[in-house]
Amino acid sequence: MRTKKDRLQRQLQTAERGASSMKSLDYSTTQSRRNARRILFAVACALILLIGWMHGPVVWARSEEKEATAWIMMKPGDFVNLRMTPSRRGREVGLLEPGDSFTTDGRVTDGFVHVLDRGDCDCWVYAGYVVFEEPEEVMDQFIVCSNSRVACRRWMDGELVARHPWAVNGSELTVYYMANGWACTSRGYLRAEYLEADPQ
């Protein structure tokens, strides 16, 4: 009887140890799942905060947008197209000439400024010809004064002109308009700081 009883007790103890191991395994699995969920939740929160931090200033800037007057600064006789979308391939819906002004909310998309007061649809104009102070009409000869060559650009902060892309010290050119630190000249757009009126 003792032998049979001892055997039953050993089997019972073995079963209890097995059940205990299963409980420990279940507990460990449950804890691992909880930890994984906590980590995922923390990562998600961090991503949300990061996205909010990155886009928050943009949203704030848009909410603070105010209407302003802008002008077109180009060589006399030139013009720039108004487009329905902010793209060089956008449908043309009008044009602006040198000295023309328009109202904008300051939005710039893909290098185009949003135009508010031209027609019944949203219009866009290329930002390279837009200034936010009324251009000063000059129409006079200037010379380049710089120890290094000066870039002649197709538009403000744009690519270099194809012919004679650099002006050197003493170069003569005609300045048509000046605004925002730029000069619209017979050689393209140059920084006004490198130009002086021709004394002759």
C-alpha atoms as a PDB file:
ATOM      1  CA  MET A   1       0.000   0.000   0.000  1.00  0.00           C
ATOM      2  CA  ARG A   2       2.791   2.383   0.860  1.00  0.00           C
ATOM      3  CA  THR A   3       4.401   1.781  -2.467  1.00  0.00           C
ATOM      4  CA  LYS A   4       1.200   2.457  -4.325  1.00  0.00           C
ATOM      5  CA  LYS A   5       0.486   5.466  -2.161  1.00  0.00           C
ATOM      6  CA  ASP A   6       3.991   6.825  -2.659  1.00  0.00           C
ATOM      7  CA  ARG A   7       3.608   6.357  -6.386  1.00  0.00           C
ATOM      8  CA  LEU A   8       0.340   8.287  -6.392  1.00  0.00           C
ATOM      9  CA  GLN A   9       1.913  11.085  -4.357  1.00  0.00           C
ATOM     10  CA  ARG A  10       4.854  11.312  -6.765  1.00  0.00           C
ATOM     11  CA  GLN A  11       2.477  11.456  -9.734  1.00  0.00           C
ATOM     12  CA  LEU A  12       0.456  14.145  -7.977  1.00  0.00           C
ATOM     13  CA  GLN A  13       3.596  16.158  -7.241  1.00  0.00           C
ATOM     14  CA  THR A  14       4.739  15.797 -10.843  1.00  0.00           C
ATOM     15  CA  ALA A  15       1.355  16.990 -12.060  1.00  0.00           C
ATOM     16  CA  GLU A  16       1.470  19.970  -9.691  1.00  0.00           C
ATOM     17  CA  ARG A  17       4.959  20.905 -10.888  1.00  0.00           C
ATOM     18  CA  GLY A  18       3.792  20.681 -14.487  1.00  0.00           C
ATOM     19  CA  ALA A  19       0.800  22.869 -13.757  1.00  0.00           C
ATOM     20  CA  SER A  20       3.026  25.335 -11.979  1.00  0.00           C
ATOM     21  CA  SER A  21       5.393  25.427 -14.955  1.00  0.00           C
ATOM     22  CA  MET A  22       2.473  26.024 -17.307  1.00  0.00           C
ATOM     23  CA  LYS A  23       1.239  28.879 -15.116  1.00  0.00           C
ATOM     24  CA  SER A  24       4.719  30.392 -15.113  1.00  0.00           C
ATOM     25  CA  LEU A  25       4.909  30.033 -18.889  1.00  0.00           C
ATOM     26  CA  ASP A  26       1.465  31.596 -19.327  1.00  0.00           C
ATOM     27  CA  TYR A  27       2.408  34.426 -16.999  1.00  0.00           C
ATOM     28  CA  SER A  28       5.699  34.983 -18.830  1.00  0.00           C
ATOM     29  CA  THR A  29       3.921  35.000 -22.201  1.00  0.00           C
ATOM     30  CA  THR A  30       1.294  37.388 -20.926  1.00  0.00           C
ATOM     31  CA  GLN A  31       3.984  39.703 -19.539  1.00  0.00           C
ATOM     32  CA  SER A  32       5.880  39.579 -22.821  1.00  0.00           C
ATOM     33  CA  ARG A  33       2.738  40.520 -24.722  1.00  0.00           C
ATOM     34  CA  ARG A  34       2.021  43.355 -22.317  1.00  0.00           C
ATOM     35  CA  ASN A  35       5.581  44.628 -22.637  1.00  0.00           C
ATOM     36  CA  ALA A  36       5.378  44.428 -26.412  1.00  0.00           C
ATOM     37  CA  ARG A  37       2.126  46.391 -26.366  1.00  0.00           C
ATOM     38  CA  ARG A  38       3.651  48.993 -24.095  1.00  0.00           C
ATOM     39  CA  ILE A  39       6.651  49.360 -26.410  1.00  0.00           C
ATOM     40  CA  LEU A  40       4.428  49.688 -29.481  1.00  0.00           C
ATOM     41  CA  PHE A  41       2.275  52.260 -27.694  1.00  0.00           C
ATOM     42  CA  ALA A  42       5.356  54.255 -26.693  1.00  0.00           C
ATOM     43  CA  VAL A  43       6.712  54.152 -30.251  1.00  0.00           C
ATOM     44  CA  ALA A  44       3.348  55.265 -31.653  1.00  0.00           C
ATOM     45  CA  CYS A  45       3.203  58.176 -29.201  1.00  0.00           C
ATOM     46  CA  ALA A  46       6.745  59.189 -30.109  1.00  0.00           C
ATOM     47  CA  LEU A  47       5.894  59.134 -33.824  1.00  0.00           C
ATOM     48  CA  ILE A  48       2.762  61.218 -33.244  1.00  0.00           C
ATOM     49  CA  LEU A  49       4.760  63.770 -31.259  1.00  0.00           C
ATOM     50  CA  LEU A  50       7.479  63.862 -33.929  1.00  0.00           C
ATOM     51  CA  ILE A  51       4.976  64.368 -36.734  1.00  0.00           C
ATOM     52  CA  GLY A  52       3.231  67.058 -34.715  1.00  0.00           C
ATOM     53  CA  TRP A  53       6.534  68.791 -34.053  1.00  0.00           C
ATOM     54  CA  MET A  54       7.506  68.662 -37.738  1.00  0.00           C
ATOM     55  CA  HIS A  55       4.181  69.851 -39.107  1.00  0.00           C
ATOM     56  CA  GLY A  56       3.146  72.082 -36.235  1.00  0.00           C
ATOM     57  CA  PRO A  57       5.147  75.115 -37.423  1.00  0.00           C
ATOM     58  CA  VAL A  58       3.694  74.701 -40.940  1.00  0.00           C
ATOM     59  CA  VAL A  59       0.143  74.629 -39.615  1.00  0.00           C
ATOM     60  CA  TRP A  60       0.900  77.598 -37.401  1.00  0.00           C
ATOM     61  CA  ALA A  61       2.440  79.521 -40.289  1.00  0.00           C
ATOM     62  CA  ARG A  62      -0.580  78.882 -42.486  1.00  0.00           C
ATOM     63  CA  SER A  63      -2.931  79.976 -39.757  1.00  0.00           C
ATOM     64  CA  GLU A  64      -0.964  83.216 -39.477  1.00  0.00           C
ATOM     65  CA  GLU A  65      -0.923  83.927 -43.210  1.00  0.00           C
ATOM     66  CA  LYS A  66      -1.892  87.481 -44.082  1.00  0.00           C
ATOM     67  CA  GLU A  67      -2.657  89.025 -47.405  1.00  0.00           C
ATOM     68  CA  ALA A  68       0.118  91.120 -48.892  1.00  0.00           C
ATOM     69  CA  THR A  69       0.867  92.995 -52.077  1.00  0.00           C
ATOM     70  CA  ALA A  70       3.539  91.649 -54.418  1.00  0.00           C
ATOM     71  CA  TRP A  71       4.987  92.932 -57.691  1.00  0.00           C
ATOM     72  CA  ILE A  72       6.456  91.473 -60.840  1.00  0.00           C
ATOM     73  CA  MET A  73      10.047  92.554 -61.565  1.00  0.00           C
ATOM     74  CA  MET A  74      11.141  91.723 -65.101  1.00  0.00           C
ATOM     75  CA  LYS A  75      12.865  93.287 -68.060  1.00  0.00           C
ATOM     76  CA  PRO A  76      10.579  95.669 -69.986  1.00  0.00           C
ATOM     77  CA  GLY A  77       8.674  93.831 -72.692  1.00  0.00           C
ATOM     78  CA  ASP A  78       8.773  90.482 -70.876  1.00  0.00           C
ATOM     79  CA  PHE A  79       5.836  88.829 -69.147  1.00  0.00           C
ATOM     80  CA  VAL A  80       5.152  85.855 -66.885  1.00  0.00           C
ATOM     81  CA  ASN A  81       2.208  83.479 -67.173  1.00  0.00           C
ATOM     82  CA  LEU A  82      -0.468  83.008 -64.546  1.00  0.00           C
ATOM     83  CA  ARG A  83      -1.211  79.310 -64.186  1.00  0.00           C
ATOM     84  CA  MET A  84      -4.121  77.396 -62.726  1.00  0.00           C
ATOM     85  CA  THR A  85      -1.810  75.020 -60.843  1.00  0.00           C
ATOM     86  CA  PRO A  86       1.642  75.599 -59.274  1.00  0.00           C
ATOM     87  CA  SER A  87       3.527  73.982 -62.126  1.00  0.00           C
ATOM     88  CA  ARG A  88       5.262  75.022 -65.324  1.00  0.00           C
ATOM     89  CA  ARG A  89       2.810  72.700 -67.070  1.00  0.00           C
ATOM     90  CA  GLY A  90      -0.231  74.271 -65.419  1.00  0.00           C
ATOM     91  CA  ARG A  91      -2.857  75.707 -67.737  1.00  0.00           C
ATOM     92  CA  GLU A  92      -2.269  79.359 -68.586  1.00  0.00           C
ATOM     93  CA  VAL A  93      -5.071  81.628 -67.403  1.00  0.00           C
ATOM     94  CA  GLY A  94      -3.496  85.044 -67.853  1.00  0.00           C
ATOM     95  CA  LEU A  95      -0.240  86.949 -67.648  1.00  0.00           C
ATOM     96  CA  LEU A  96       1.520  89.610 -65.635  1.00  0.00           C
ATOM     97  CA  GLU A  97       3.900  92.260 -66.954  1.00  0.00           C
ATOM     98  CA  PRO A  98       6.766  94.173 -65.309  1.00  0.00           C
ATOM     99  CA  GLY A  99       5.481  96.420 -62.533  1.00  0.00           C
ATOM    100  CA  ASP A 100       2.122  94.646 -62.218  1.00  0.00           C
ATOM    101  CA  SER A 101       0.977  94.122 -58.642  1.00  0.00           C
ATOM    102  CA  PHE A 102      -1.272  91.466 -57.156  1.00  0.00           C
ATOM    103  CA  THR A 103      -2.541  90.258 -53.793  1.00  0.00           C
ATOM    104  CA  THR A 104      -1.183  87.062 -52.280  1.00  0.00           C
ATOM    105  CA  ASP A 105      -1.653  85.135 -49.057  1.00  0.00           C
ATOM    106  CA  GLY A 106       2.029  84.241 -49.056  1.00  0.00           C
ATOM    107  CA  ARG A 107       1.573  80.594 -49.969  1.00  0.00           C
ATOM    108  CA  VAL A 108       4.464  79.206 -52.018  1.00  0.00           C
ATOM    109  CA  THR A 109       4.164  75.758 -53.598  1.00  0.00           C
ATOM    110  CA  ASP A 110       6.802  74.185 -55.838  1.00  0.00           C
ATOM    111  CA  GLY A 111       8.326  77.594 -56.509  1.00  0.00           C
ATOM    112  CA  PHE A 112       5.021  79.320 -57.343  1.00  0.00           C
ATOM    113  CA  VAL A 113       3.321  82.116 -55.394  1.00  0.00           C
ATOM    114  CA  HIS A 114      -0.434  81.975 -54.837  1.00  0.00           C
ATOM    115  CA  VAL A 115      -2.342  84.839 -56.487  1.00  0.00           C
ATOM    116  CA  LEU A 116      -5.685  85.886 -54.989  1.00  0.00           C
ATOM    117  CA  ASP A 117      -7.120  88.683 -57.080  1.00  0.00           C
ATOM    118  CA  ARG A 118      -6.843  87.517 -60.676  1.00  0.00           C
ATOM    119  CA  GLY A 119      -9.969  85.929 -62.119  1.00  0.00           C
ATOM    120  CA  ASP A 120     -12.455  83.554 -60.566  1.00  0.00           C
ATOM    121  CA  CYS A 121     -10.023  80.650 -60.042  1.00  0.00           C
ATOM    122  CA  ASP A 122      -6.904  80.140 -57.984  1.00  0.00           C
ATOM    123  CA  CYS A 123      -3.849  81.366 -59.892  1.00  0.00           C
ATOM    124  CA  TRP A 124      -0.146  80.853 -59.421  1.00  0.00           C
ATOM    125  CA  VAL A 125       2.857  82.786 -60.696  1.00  0.00           C
ATOM    126  CA  TYR A 126       6.505  81.770 -60.711  1.00  0.00           C
ATOM    127  CA  ALA A 127       8.224  83.114 -57.581  1.00  0.00           C
ATOM    128  CA  GLY A 128      11.488  83.917 -59.351  1.00  0.00           C
ATOM    129  CA  TYR A 129       9.957  87.122 -60.730  1.00  0.00           C
ATOM    130  CA  VAL A 130       8.048  88.179 -57.596  1.00  0.00           C
ATOM    131  CA  VAL A 131       9.166  90.832 -55.102  1.00  0.00           C
ATOM    132  CA  PHE A 132       7.406  92.082 -51.991  1.00  0.00           C
ATOM    133  CA  GLU A 133       8.304  95.715 -52.273  1.00  0.00           C
ATOM    134  CA  GLU A 134       7.436  97.992 -55.151  1.00  0.00           C
ATOM    135  CA  PRO A 135      10.323  97.892 -57.636  1.00  0.00           C
ATOM    136  CA  GLU A 136      12.256 101.098 -58.113  1.00  0.00           C
ATOM    137  CA  GLU A 137      12.362 102.037 -61.773  1.00  0.00           C
ATOM    138  CA  VAL A 138      15.987 102.864 -62.611  1.00  0.00           C
ATOM    139  CA  MET A 139      16.560 102.672 -66.391  1.00  0.00           C
ATOM    140  CA  ASP A 140      20.190 103.725 -66.143  1.00  0.00           C
ATOM    141  CA  GLN A 141      23.732 102.482 -66.707  1.00  0.00           C
ATOM    142  CA  PHE A 142      25.587 100.780 -63.861  1.00  0.00           C
ATOM    143  CA  ILE A 143      28.965  99.112 -63.473  1.00  0.00           C
ATOM    144  CA  VAL A 144      29.905  95.991 -61.566  1.00  0.00           C
ATOM    145  CA  CYS A 145      32.099  96.630 -58.513  1.00  0.00           C
ATOM    146  CA  SER A 146      33.393  93.359 -57.120  1.00  0.00           C
ATOM    147  CA  ASN A 147      36.749  91.665 -56.556  1.00  0.00           C
ATOM    148  CA  SER A 148      35.227  88.433 -57.812  1.00  0.00           C
ATOM    149  CA  ARG A 149      32.877  87.644 -60.652  1.00  0.00           C
ATOM    150  CA  VAL A 150      29.153  88.162 -60.101  1.00  0.00           C
ATOM    151  CA  ALA A 151      26.500  85.677 -61.204  1.00  0.00           C
ATOM    152  CA  CYS A 152      23.950  86.764 -63.810  1.00  0.00           C
ATOM    153  CA  ARG A 153      20.766  84.788 -63.284  1.00  0.00           C
ATOM    154  CA  ARG A 154      17.668  84.080 -65.366  1.00  0.00           C
ATOM    155  CA  TRP A 155      15.486  84.869 -62.354  1.00  0.00           C
ATOM    156  CA  MET A 156      16.139  85.821 -58.743  1.00  0.00           C
ATOM    157  CA  ASP A 157      18.080  83.037 -57.001  1.00  0.00           C
ATOM    158  CA  GLY A 158      17.711  81.051 -60.218  1.00  0.00           C
ATOM    159  CA  GLU A 159      20.002  79.347 -62.686  1.00  0.00           C
ATOM    160  CA  LEU A 160      22.685  81.222 -64.577  1.00  0.00           C
ATOM    161  CA  VAL A 161      21.948  82.799 -67.931  1.00  0.00           C
ATOM    162  CA  ALA A 162      23.181  80.811 -70.907  1.00  0.00           C
ATOM    163  CA  ARG A 163      25.299  83.557 -72.482  1.00  0.00           C
ATOM    164  CA  HIS A 164      27.838  85.473 -70.389  1.00  0.00           C
ATOM    165  CA  PRO A 165      26.718  84.022 -67.022  1.00  0.00           C
ATOM    166  CA  TRP A 166      29.315  85.986 -65.078  1.00  0.00           C
ATOM    167  CA  ALA A 167      29.934  89.728 -64.810  1.00  0.00           C
ATOM    168  CA  VAL A 168      33.376  90.917 -63.775  1.00  0.00           C
ATOM    169  CA  ASN A 169      34.586  94.068 -62.112  1.00  0.00           C
ATOM    170  CA  GLY A 170      34.035  97.086 -64.370  1.00  0.00           C
ATOM    171  CA  SER A 171      31.378  95.425 -66.534  1.00  0.00           C
ATOM    172  CA  GLU A 172      28.749  97.873 -67.770  1.00  0.00           C
ATOM    173  CA  LEU A 173      25.067  97.033 -67.918  1.00  0.00           C
ATOM    174  CA  THR A 174      21.647  98.636 -67.894  1.00  0.00           C
ATOM    175  CA  VAL A 175      19.575  98.376 -64.713  1.00  0.00           C
ATOM    176  CA  TYR A 176      15.832  98.457 -65.268  1.00  0.00           C
ATOM    177  CA  TYR A 177      14.427  97.851 -61.774  1.00  0.00           C
ATOM    178  CA  MET A 178      15.651  97.244 -58.233  1.00  0.00           C
ATOM    179  CA  ALA A 179      13.851  95.604 -55.302  1.00  0.00           C
ATOM    180  CA  ASN A 180      14.504  93.187 -52.441  1.00  0.00           C
ATOM    181  CA  GLY A 181      18.285  93.465 -52.913  1.00  0.00           C
ATOM    182  CA  TRP A 182      18.113  92.418 -56.578  1.00  0.00           C
ATOM    183  CA  ALA A 183      18.616  94.341 -59.798  1.00  0.00           C
ATOM    184  CA  CYS A 184      16.850  93.403 -63.010  1.00  0.00           C
ATOM    185  CA  THR A 185      19.410  94.231 -65.703  1.00  0.00           C
ATOM    186  CA  SER A 186      20.262  93.764 -69.359  1.00  0.00           C
ATOM    187  CA  ARG A 187      22.441  90.816 -68.263  1.00  0.00           C
ATOM    188  CA  GLY A 188      19.830  89.144 -66.098  1.00  0.00           C
ATOM    189  CA  TYR A 189      19.293  89.368 -62.346  1.00  0.00           C
ATOM    190  CA  LEU A 190      22.268  90.439 -60.212  1.00  0.00           C
ATOM    191  CA  ARG A 191      22.640  91.221 -56.539  1.00  0.00           C
ATOM    192  CA  ALA A 192      22.298  94.998 -56.250  1.00  0.00           C
ATOM    193  CA  GLU A 193      25.109  95.264 -53.715  1.00  0.00           C
ATOM    194  CA  TYR A 194      27.666  94.672 -56.487  1.00  0.00           C
ATOM    195  CA  LEU A 195      26.403  97.508 -58.694  1.00  0.00           C
ATOM    196  CA  GLU A 196      27.189 101.200 -58.702  1.00  0.00           C
ATOM    197  CA  ALA A 197      25.843 103.953 -60.918  1.00  0.00           C
ATOM    198  CA  ASP A 198      28.069 104.699 -63.869  1.00  0.00           C
ATOM    199  CA  PRO A 199      29.623 108.119 -63.122  1.00  0.00           C
ATOM    200  CA  GLN A 200      29.879 109.047 -66.803  1.00  0.00           C
END
